[in-house]
Amino acid sequence: MSRRLEELERERALLEAQLAACPSSASSCRGRCGAPLDRSRPCQCNTGCQRYSNCCVDHTTVCSSNSSQGGGHITWTPGRTTDADLRRLSEALLDRDQDNVATQVELELGCTTRNGASRDCSPRPLFKRLDQSVLRRPLYRKLMAMYENYEVDTTVRESVSRAETQEEEAFLQEVTRSTVMQEAIRFLKAKNLLTKSQADFTRLLKELWFALYSRGNRILGSSGFEHVFLGEKKQGQVQGFHNWVYFYHLEKQNKVNYLGHWEAEDLGGKGTGLTFTFKWGSEQKPHASMLVGTSPSLELALYTVCVLARGDQPCHVRLGGKLVTITTHVFNRPGGVRHVASSFMTWK
């Protein structure tokens, strides 16, 4: 038995290496459902692939007879969380993101620039078009309802009203019942990274993302949500700011100025991974990154999984066939309390 387990572990390690090296088309089950074992391929599409944890990331969605938007049921194997597990999960979540609006967004990428370049070589706005029906969806309405709740300056103490707390809870409820977060919860439970109830998980999300903390001088002027999904300023520097919806919101008000990009990765038609520079008022963010077209539910789910599975270590995932590294930083407080300090993506 131990020898067989060693063989399986070697096969899994080989699979991970092959997945990292091969093109995305070789890692798909399209046209291959039920095909016999082919060791020359990085992943399999036969009926036994779940048993050996070597299915292609889209196996369930493509090959399940009852698959529909949101995908079919996936079996997550217990045990340690491997990079292959995280790649499979991230692709499954992207496939299940029912609030993905990539086809309803058009970007004006403009020029190619470099990290920190201050010259504006892209005079047009980044967002050329956004179908306004997107902003009427419940998830996006609840996200944008919180935009006026925060002080931009981290040295200014935040005050949270009861109405603002209710807006936070309404947003979390919307995210928690989304298809992507429900799948993330199933994954976390299978990997024993989540052992409590869904209500406890919602409280954990609130602790991680919405609890206030200090970034200096004991001033409760920041939160993980504000830092990542909006943005902050500290001593004349732009910090965080990794969500496309907030960028669109401020660009419509002429409060941000897109200067140019150096990476624009197509995530299989389901989003764009953008690395760029911009100014927020008079302050410039030299190196910014964000997904465009994906939902806040997807991003919150991926970031949360990485916090719980990897902590401050790099979290290697896969989106639309592209390898992506999620970096998370966590503030650990006495009593096991954790707050997200930052979370963002880079494209390999």
Protein backbone atom coordinates (compact mmCIF):
# COMPACT_ATOMS: atom_id res chain seq x y z
CA MET A 1 0.00 0.00 0.00
CA SER A 2 2.76 2.45 0.94
CA ARG A 3 4.52 1.72 -2.36
CA ARG A 4 1.32 2.49 -4.29
CA LEU A 5 0.89 5.75 -2.36
CA GLU A 6 4.46 6.71 -3.22
CA GLU A 7 3.74 6.00 -6.89
CA LEU A 8 0.59 8.16 -6.76
CA GLU A 9 2.51 10.97 -5.11
CA ARG A 10 5.17 10.82 -7.83
CA GLU A 11 2.46 10.89 -10.49
CA ARG A 12 0.87 13.91 -8.82
CA ALA A 13 4.24 15.71 -8.67
CA LEU A 14 4.80 14.92 -12.35
CA LEU A 15 1.32 16.22 -13.17
CA GLU A 16 2.01 19.51 -11.39
CA ALA A 17 5.25 19.98 -13.32
CA GLN A 18 3.53 19.19 -16.62
CA LEU A 19 0.62 21.51 -15.90
CA ALA A 20 3.01 24.37 -15.28
CA ALA A 21 4.84 23.75 -18.55
CA CYS A 22 2.13 22.80 -21.04
CA PRO A 23 -0.26 25.02 -23.04
CA SER A 24 -3.80 25.34 -21.74
CA SER A 25 -5.33 23.49 -24.72
CA ALA A 26 -3.56 20.31 -23.64
CA SER A 27 -5.10 20.67 -20.20
CA SER A 28 -8.71 20.68 -21.35
CA CYS A 29 -11.29 17.88 -21.62
CA ARG A 30 -13.01 19.41 -24.62
CA GLY A 31 -13.36 16.59 -27.12
CA ARG A 32 -11.66 14.11 -24.76
CA CYS A 33 -14.40 13.01 -22.33
CA GLY A 34 -14.05 9.31 -21.56
CA ALA A 35 -10.73 9.04 -23.39
CA PRO A 36 -8.44 6.27 -22.10
CA LEU A 37 -5.42 7.03 -19.94
CA ASP A 38 -2.79 8.95 -21.92
CA ARG A 39 0.41 9.43 -19.92
CA SER A 40 1.75 11.86 -22.49
CA ARG A 41 -0.91 14.37 -21.45
CA PRO A 42 -0.69 16.47 -18.29
CA CYS A 43 -4.20 15.57 -17.12
CA GLN A 44 -6.92 13.03 -17.83
CA CYS A 45 -10.61 12.96 -18.77
CA ASN A 46 -11.51 9.33 -18.06
CA THR A 47 -13.95 8.10 -15.44
CA GLY A 48 -11.17 7.24 -12.98
CA CYS A 49 -9.39 10.59 -12.98
CA GLN A 50 -11.10 11.82 -9.80
CA ARG A 51 -9.92 8.73 -7.96
CA TYR A 52 -6.31 9.48 -8.90
CA SER A 53 -6.65 13.30 -8.64
CA ASN A 54 -5.38 13.83 -12.18
CA CYS A 55 -8.49 15.26 -13.90
CA CYS A 56 -8.17 18.29 -16.12
CA VAL A 57 -9.54 21.40 -14.44
CA ASP A 58 -12.62 21.53 -16.69
CA HIS A 59 -13.40 17.79 -16.45
CA THR A 60 -16.57 18.17 -14.37
CA THR A 61 -17.92 21.09 -16.35
CA VAL A 62 -17.23 19.62 -19.79
CA CYS A 63 -17.86 15.93 -19.15
CA SER A 64 -20.69 15.91 -16.60
CA SER A 65 -24.02 15.03 -18.24
CA ASN A 66 -25.89 17.30 -15.83
CA SER A 67 -23.43 20.16 -16.13
CA SER A 68 -24.90 23.61 -16.68
CA GLN A 69 -23.78 27.14 -15.93
CA GLY A 70 -22.08 26.91 -12.60
CA GLY A 71 -20.70 23.41 -13.35
CA GLY A 72 -21.40 19.99 -11.95
CA HIS A 73 -20.41 18.46 -8.64
CA ILE A 74 -16.70 18.19 -7.92
CA THR A 75 -15.21 15.72 -5.47
CA TRP A 76 -12.43 17.31 -3.45
CA THR A 77 -10.03 14.78 -2.00
CA PRO A 78 -9.07 15.21 1.68
CA GLY A 79 -5.48 15.71 2.73
CA ARG A 80 -2.93 18.43 2.23
CA THR A 81 -3.72 21.26 -0.15
CA THR A 82 -1.43 21.01 -3.16
CA ASP A 83 -0.79 23.58 -5.87
CA ALA A 84 -2.63 21.23 -8.26
CA ASP A 85 -5.68 21.40 -5.94
CA LEU A 86 -5.56 25.20 -5.94
CA ARG A 87 -5.22 25.36 -9.73
CA ARG A 88 -8.17 23.03 -10.16
CA LEU A 89 -10.26 25.00 -7.67
CA SER A 90 -9.47 28.40 -9.18
CA GLU A 91 -10.40 27.26 -12.70
CA ALA A 92 -13.60 25.71 -11.35
CA LEU A 93 -14.50 28.95 -9.57
CA LEU A 94 -13.84 31.01 -12.68
CA ASP A 95 -16.07 28.65 -14.63
CA ARG A 96 -18.82 28.95 -11.98
CA ASP A 97 -18.65 32.74 -11.62
CA GLN A 98 -22.24 33.60 -12.50
CA ASP A 99 -21.58 37.31 -11.95
CA ASN A 100 -18.66 37.37 -14.36
CA VAL A 101 -19.23 40.26 -16.78
CA ALA A 102 -16.10 40.02 -18.95
CA THR A 103 -18.17 40.04 -22.15
CA GLN A 104 -19.88 43.25 -21.03
CA VAL A 105 -16.65 45.19 -20.48
CA GLU A 106 -14.44 46.74 -23.16
CA LEU A 107 -11.07 48.25 -22.30
CA GLU A 108 -9.03 50.97 -24.01
CA LEU A 109 -5.57 49.65 -23.08
CA GLY A 110 -3.68 52.38 -24.89
CA CYS A 111 0.08 52.38 -24.68
CA THR A 112 2.58 49.99 -23.20
CA THR A 113 4.58 51.66 -20.46
CA ARG A 114 6.75 50.58 -17.55
CA ASN A 115 6.54 50.36 -13.79
CA GLY A 116 6.17 53.82 -12.27
CA ALA A 117 6.39 55.82 -15.51
CA SER A 118 4.68 59.15 -14.82
CA ARG A 119 4.06 60.18 -18.45
CA ASP A 120 0.44 59.74 -19.48
CA CYS A 121 0.74 57.89 -22.78
CA SER A 122 -2.88 56.67 -22.67
CA PRO A 123 -5.01 59.83 -22.81
CA ARG A 124 -8.30 57.94 -23.04
CA PRO A 125 -10.03 56.32 -20.03
CA LEU A 126 -9.26 52.66 -19.35
CA PHE A 127 -12.93 51.68 -19.56
CA LYS A 128 -14.22 52.17 -23.08
CA ARG A 129 -17.55 50.48 -22.41
CA LEU A 130 -19.44 48.84 -19.56
CA ASP A 131 -22.98 47.55 -19.94
CA GLN A 132 -24.83 49.53 -17.28
CA SER A 133 -27.05 46.57 -16.47
CA VAL A 134 -24.01 45.15 -14.65
CA LEU A 135 -24.29 47.80 -11.97
CA ARG A 136 -27.94 46.90 -11.35
CA ARG A 137 -27.10 43.32 -10.39
CA PRO A 138 -27.60 42.74 -6.64
CA LEU A 139 -23.94 41.86 -6.02
CA TYR A 140 -22.60 44.98 -7.70
CA ARG A 141 -25.24 47.23 -6.14
CA LYS A 142 -24.32 45.97 -2.67
CA LEU A 143 -20.63 46.41 -3.38
CA MET A 144 -21.02 49.99 -4.57
CA ALA A 145 -23.34 50.87 -1.68
CA MET A 146 -20.27 50.74 0.59
CA TYR A 147 -18.09 53.09 -1.43
CA GLU A 148 -18.96 56.17 0.62
CA ASN A 149 -18.35 54.44 3.97
CA TYR A 150 -14.58 54.82 4.19
CA GLU A 151 -11.98 57.49 4.88
CA VAL A 152 -9.26 57.36 2.23
CA ASP A 153 -6.49 58.44 4.62
CA THR A 154 -5.34 55.59 6.88
CA THR A 155 -4.35 58.12 9.55
CA VAL A 156 -8.01 59.15 9.98
CA ARG A 157 -10.01 56.99 12.37
CA GLU A 158 -12.93 55.19 10.73
CA SER A 159 -16.37 55.44 12.30
CA VAL A 160 -18.86 52.74 11.36
CA SER A 161 -22.58 53.46 11.66
CA ARG A 162 -25.26 50.83 12.10
CA ALA A 163 -26.41 51.44 8.52
CA GLU A 164 -22.87 50.85 7.25
CA THR A 165 -22.62 47.62 9.25
CA GLN A 166 -25.87 46.46 7.66
CA GLU A 167 -24.44 47.23 4.21
CA GLU A 168 -21.37 45.13 5.00
CA GLU A 169 -23.54 42.24 6.16
CA ALA A 170 -25.79 42.48 3.10
CA PHE A 171 -22.75 42.29 0.83
CA LEU A 172 -21.30 39.32 2.73
CA GLN A 173 -24.61 37.48 2.57
CA GLU A 174 -24.72 38.01 -1.19
CA VAL A 175 -21.17 36.76 -1.58
CA THR A 176 -21.59 33.79 0.77
CA ARG A 177 -24.58 32.39 -1.11
CA SER A 178 -22.88 32.79 -4.50
CA THR A 179 -21.95 29.67 -6.43
CA VAL A 180 -18.25 30.44 -6.23
CA MET A 181 -18.17 30.93 -2.46
CA GLN A 182 -20.27 27.83 -1.86
CA GLU A 183 -17.76 25.81 -3.90
CA ALA A 184 -14.89 27.41 -2.00
CA ILE A 185 -16.55 26.40 1.28
CA ARG A 186 -16.87 22.80 0.06
CA PHE A 187 -13.17 22.82 -0.82
CA LEU A 188 -12.11 24.28 2.53
CA LYS A 189 -14.17 21.71 4.43
CA ALA A 190 -12.76 18.82 2.40
CA LYS A 191 -9.24 20.03 3.14
CA ASN A 192 -10.09 20.52 6.84
CA LEU A 193 -9.27 24.22 6.53
CA LEU A 194 -12.81 25.01 7.67
CA THR A 195 -14.32 22.93 10.45
CA LYS A 196 -17.16 25.12 11.66
CA SER A 197 -20.61 26.06 10.37
CA GLN A 198 -21.38 28.40 7.50
CA ALA A 199 -22.53 31.01 10.02
CA ASP A 200 -19.11 30.76 11.68
CA PHE A 201 -17.49 31.10 8.26
CA THR A 202 -19.45 34.29 7.59
CA ARG A 203 -18.20 35.66 10.92
CA LEU A 204 -14.68 34.71 9.89
CA LEU A 205 -15.10 36.61 6.61
CA LYS A 206 -16.21 39.66 8.57
CA GLU A 207 -13.18 39.37 10.86
CA LEU A 208 -10.74 38.89 8.00
CA TRP A 209 -12.09 41.58 5.71
CA PHE A 210 -14.14 44.16 7.62
CA ALA A 211 -12.72 44.43 11.15
CA LEU A 212 -10.88 47.71 11.62
CA TYR A 213 -7.18 47.79 12.48
CA SER A 214 -4.31 50.25 12.62
CA ARG A 215 -1.60 50.82 10.04
CA GLY A 216 0.22 53.13 12.44
CA ASN A 217 -0.14 55.18 15.64
CA ARG A 218 -2.93 52.88 16.92
CA ILE A 219 -5.47 54.61 14.69
CA LEU A 220 -8.24 52.25 13.56
CA GLY A 221 -8.23 53.59 10.02
CA SER A 222 -8.04 50.54 7.78
CA SER A 223 -9.60 47.19 6.91
CA GLY A 224 -8.77 44.42 4.47
CA PHE A 225 -11.85 45.14 2.39
CA GLU A 226 -11.09 48.85 2.07
CA HIS A 227 -7.45 48.20 1.23
CA VAL A 228 -8.10 45.58 -1.49
CA PHE A 229 -11.54 46.36 -2.93
CA LEU A 230 -11.27 50.15 -2.73
CA GLY A 231 -7.91 51.71 -1.94
CA GLU A 232 -6.17 53.84 0.64
CA LYS A 233 -3.61 56.60 0.93
CA LYS A 234 -0.87 56.79 3.53
CA GLN A 235 1.74 59.54 3.68
CA GLY A 236 1.11 60.53 0.08
CA GLN A 237 1.20 57.00 -1.32
CA VAL A 238 -1.58 54.95 -2.89
CA GLN A 239 -1.93 51.58 -1.18
CA GLY A 240 -4.01 48.55 -2.13
CA PHE A 241 -6.62 49.35 -4.82
CA HIS A 242 -7.01 46.03 -6.65
CA ASN A 243 -10.64 45.97 -7.82
CA TRP A 244 -11.84 46.97 -11.26
CA VAL A 245 -15.33 48.09 -10.20
CA TYR A 246 -13.93 50.77 -7.90
CA PHE A 247 -11.52 51.92 -10.61
CA TYR A 248 -14.44 52.25 -13.02
CA HIS A 249 -16.44 54.11 -10.36
CA LEU A 250 -13.69 56.68 -9.77
CA GLU A 251 -12.79 56.98 -13.45
CA LYS A 252 -16.38 58.03 -14.23
CA GLN A 253 -15.87 60.83 -11.69
CA ASN A 254 -12.50 61.82 -13.20
CA LYS A 255 -10.75 60.98 -9.93
CA VAL A 256 -8.28 58.45 -11.35
CA ASN A 257 -6.11 58.73 -14.44
CA TYR A 258 -4.97 55.59 -16.24
CA LEU A 259 -1.42 56.10 -17.51
CA GLY A 260 -0.68 52.84 -19.34
CA HIS A 261 0.00 49.14 -18.84
CA TRP A 262 2.73 46.55 -19.34
CA GLU A 263 0.70 43.35 -18.97
CA ALA A 264 -2.82 42.50 -20.17
CA GLU A 265 -3.44 38.76 -19.89
CA ASP A 266 -6.54 37.25 -21.49
CA LEU A 267 -8.00 34.75 -19.02
CA GLY A 268 -9.73 32.52 -21.54
CA GLY A 269 -12.33 35.14 -22.42
CA LYS A 270 -13.49 35.33 -18.79
CA GLY A 271 -11.49 38.35 -17.72
CA THR A 272 -8.31 40.33 -18.16
CA GLY A 273 -5.35 40.33 -15.80
CA LEU A 274 -3.98 43.86 -15.93
CA THR A 275 -0.69 45.26 -14.61
CA PHE A 276 -0.53 49.02 -15.00
CA THR A 277 0.14 52.40 -13.42
CA PHE A 278 -2.29 55.21 -12.62
CA LYS A 279 -2.79 58.38 -10.61
CA TRP A 280 -5.42 58.81 -7.93
CA GLY A 281 -5.70 62.55 -7.56
CA SER A 282 -2.10 63.80 -7.40
CA GLU A 283 -0.70 60.51 -6.04
CA GLN A 284 0.56 57.80 -8.39
CA LYS A 285 0.42 54.06 -7.84
CA PRO A 286 3.62 52.91 -9.60
CA HIS A 287 2.70 49.23 -9.85
CA ALA A 288 -0.96 48.23 -9.83
CA SER A 289 -2.68 44.96 -10.68
CA MET A 290 -6.28 43.85 -10.92
CA LEU A 291 -8.63 41.43 -12.62
CA VAL A 292 -11.19 43.01 -14.93
CA GLY A 293 -14.57 41.40 -15.60
CA THR A 294 -14.52 38.90 -12.75
CA SER A 295 -16.95 39.29 -9.86
CA PRO A 296 -16.11 40.45 -6.33
CA SER A 297 -17.44 37.07 -5.14
CA LEU A 298 -14.78 35.25 -7.14
CA GLU A 299 -12.00 37.49 -5.90
CA LEU A 300 -13.11 37.31 -2.26
CA ALA A 301 -13.39 33.52 -2.51
CA LEU A 302 -9.94 33.10 -4.05
CA TYR A 303 -8.25 35.49 -1.64
CA THR A 304 -9.91 33.86 1.37
CA VAL A 305 -8.94 30.35 0.27
CA CYS A 306 -5.35 31.51 -0.16
CA VAL A 307 -5.31 33.14 3.28
CA LEU A 308 -6.53 29.91 4.89
CA ALA A 309 -4.46 27.52 2.76
CA ARG A 310 -1.22 29.47 2.36
CA GLY A 311 -1.22 32.36 4.83
CA ASP A 312 1.62 34.71 3.91
CA GLN A 313 3.14 32.22 1.45
CA PRO A 314 2.61 32.55 -2.34
CA CYS A 315 -0.62 30.93 -3.52
CA HIS A 316 -0.31 29.45 -7.02
CA VAL A 317 -3.58 29.23 -8.95
CA ARG A 318 -4.72 29.07 -12.56
CA LEU A 319 -7.29 31.27 -14.31
CA GLY A 320 -8.38 30.76 -17.90
CA GLY A 321 -5.31 28.63 -18.53
CA LYS A 322 -2.91 31.28 -17.18
CA LEU A 323 -0.75 30.65 -14.13
CA VAL A 324 -1.41 33.29 -11.48
CA THR A 325 0.24 33.97 -8.13
CA ILE A 326 -1.90 35.40 -5.35
CA THR A 327 0.04 37.17 -2.63
CA THR A 328 -1.69 37.66 0.70
CA HIS A 329 -0.46 39.37 3.85
CA VAL A 330 -2.19 38.76 7.16
CA PHE A 331 -2.11 40.62 10.47
CA ASN A 332 -2.21 38.07 13.28
CA ARG A 333 -3.64 39.34 16.55
CA PRO A 334 -3.80 37.79 20.04
CA GLY A 335 -6.38 35.06 20.50
CA GLY A 336 -6.06 33.77 16.93
CA VAL A 337 -7.72 36.84 15.40
CA ARG A 338 -6.65 37.52 11.80
CA HIS A 339 -7.09 40.48 9.48
CA VAL A 340 -6.25 40.70 5.78
CA ALA A 341 -3.53 43.30 5.34
CA SER A 342 -3.30 42.96 1.56
CA SER A 343 -4.11 40.58 -1.27
CA PHE A 344 -3.34 40.90 -4.96
CA MET A 345 -2.50 38.92 -8.11
CA THR A 346 0.46 38.76 -10.46
CA TRP A 347 0.64 36.92 -13.77
CA LYS A 348 3.43 34.46 -14.58
